[in-house]
Amino acid sequence: MAAIVINNKQVDTILINQQSDEDAVVLETKVDTARIIIASMYFDINQPMDIHMQKIQAKLAHAKGAGIVIAMDSNSRSTMWRDILTKERQKFGGISNE
């Protein structure tokens, strides 16, 4: 449900298997001397948000000392990102944006 396409043979990139699964693809790339983690994630609407938040935390921990880019389809609606409403799915861990 997630993908990353790099169409440049000069970009040295490897798949991080231990951080990737059926809903996430995680790559490590080096640009000059910078190490960058790139993650594409899909949040299944039928799974609790806590599971997805744990996966994000794991990617952030893995990227320690590196830059990180996370792109995701969160299957959510929230006024935090300028939607007109917030659905119950966005309220997790005791945190609400309302």
Protein backbone atom coordinates (compact mmCIF):
# COMPACT_ATOMS: atom_id res chain seq x y z
CA MET A 1 0.00 0.00 0.00
CA ALA A 2 3.08 2.25 0.01
CA ALA A 3 5.81 2.97 -2.51
CA ILE A 4 8.83 5.15 -3.15
CA VAL A 5 10.25 5.68 -6.61
CA ILE A 6 13.73 7.09 -7.14
CA ASN A 7 14.47 7.72 -10.77
CA ASN A 8 18.10 8.76 -10.51
CA LYS A 9 20.91 6.23 -10.80
CA GLN A 10 23.28 8.62 -9.03
CA VAL A 11 21.29 8.42 -5.79
CA ASP A 12 22.63 5.61 -3.61
CA THR A 13 19.59 4.09 -1.86
CA ILE A 14 18.93 0.91 0.12
CA LEU A 15 15.70 -0.63 1.42
CA ILE A 16 15.48 -0.85 5.23
CA ASN A 17 13.73 -4.22 5.54
CA GLN A 18 13.31 -4.15 9.33
CA GLN A 19 11.33 -0.87 9.08
CA SER A 20 9.29 -1.84 6.00
CA ASP A 21 6.11 -3.94 5.93
CA GLU A 22 2.91 -4.33 3.90
CA ASP A 23 1.93 -0.72 4.73
CA ALA A 24 5.33 1.00 4.77
CA VAL A 25 8.42 1.34 2.63
CA VAL A 26 11.53 2.80 4.25
CA LEU A 27 14.71 3.70 2.38
CA GLU A 28 18.05 5.10 3.41
CA THR A 29 19.85 7.33 0.99
CA LYS A 30 23.03 9.33 1.08
CA VAL A 31 23.36 12.71 -0.54
CA ASP A 32 26.95 13.93 -0.33
CA THR A 33 27.71 13.30 3.35
CA ALA A 34 24.09 13.51 4.57
CA ARG A 35 22.18 10.36 5.57
CA ILE A 36 18.44 10.65 4.89
CA ILE A 37 15.66 8.21 5.79
CA ILE A 38 12.62 8.30 3.49
CA ALA A 39 9.39 6.59 4.55
CA SER A 40 6.13 6.12 2.70
CA MET A 41 3.33 4.88 4.97
CA TYR A 42 -0.30 3.87 4.61
CA PHE A 43 -2.56 3.92 7.70
CA ASP A 44 -5.27 1.28 7.37
CA ILE A 45 -8.50 2.83 8.61
CA ASN A 46 -9.44 -0.48 10.27
CA GLN A 47 -6.39 -0.46 12.56
CA PRO A 48 -6.11 1.62 15.74
CA MET A 49 -4.09 4.83 15.45
CA ASP A 50 -1.83 3.71 18.31
CA ILE A 51 -0.38 1.01 16.04
CA HIS A 52 0.46 3.59 13.39
CA MET A 53 1.94 5.99 15.93
CA GLN A 54 4.20 3.21 17.22
CA LYS A 55 5.41 2.60 13.66
CA ILE A 56 6.18 6.31 13.24
CA GLN A 57 8.10 6.30 16.53
CA ALA A 58 10.14 3.29 15.34
CA LYS A 59 11.07 5.11 12.13
CA LEU A 60 12.06 8.24 14.06
CA ALA A 61 14.21 6.15 16.41
CA HIS A 62 15.87 4.42 13.45
CA ALA A 63 16.62 7.79 11.84
CA LYS A 64 18.41 9.14 14.91
CA GLY A 65 21.30 11.23 13.65
CA ALA A 66 19.87 11.41 10.13
CA GLY A 67 17.34 13.51 8.31
CA ILE A 68 13.92 11.97 7.80
CA VAL A 69 11.05 12.48 5.36
CA ILE A 70 7.74 10.74 6.09
CA ALA A 71 4.92 10.77 3.54
CA MET A 72 1.67 9.08 4.49
CA ASP A 73 -1.90 8.37 3.59
CA SER A 74 -3.43 8.61 7.06
CA ASN A 75 -7.07 8.03 6.07
CA SER A 76 -8.04 10.83 8.37
CA ARG A 77 -9.73 14.18 8.57
CA SER A 78 -8.58 16.90 10.91
CA THR A 79 -8.76 20.65 11.30
CA MET A 80 -5.01 20.41 12.07
CA TRP A 81 -4.41 20.18 8.32
CA ARG A 82 -7.13 22.64 7.32
CA ASP A 83 -10.00 20.18 6.86
CA ILE A 84 -13.41 21.47 7.89
CA LEU A 85 -13.89 18.77 10.55
CA THR A 86 -12.06 16.31 12.77
CA LYS A 87 -13.11 12.67 12.83
CA GLU A 88 -12.88 10.52 15.97
CA ARG A 89 -9.95 8.62 14.40
CA GLN A 90 -7.69 11.65 14.93
CA LYS A 91 -8.24 11.61 18.70
CA PHE A 92 -5.74 9.20 20.19
CA GLY A 93 -3.47 8.86 23.16
CA GLY A 94 -5.50 11.44 25.05
CA ILE A 95 -4.58 14.09 22.48
CA SER A 96 -7.16 15.96 20.47
CA ASN A 97 -6.64 18.89 18.16
CA GLU A 98 -10.00 20.42 19.05
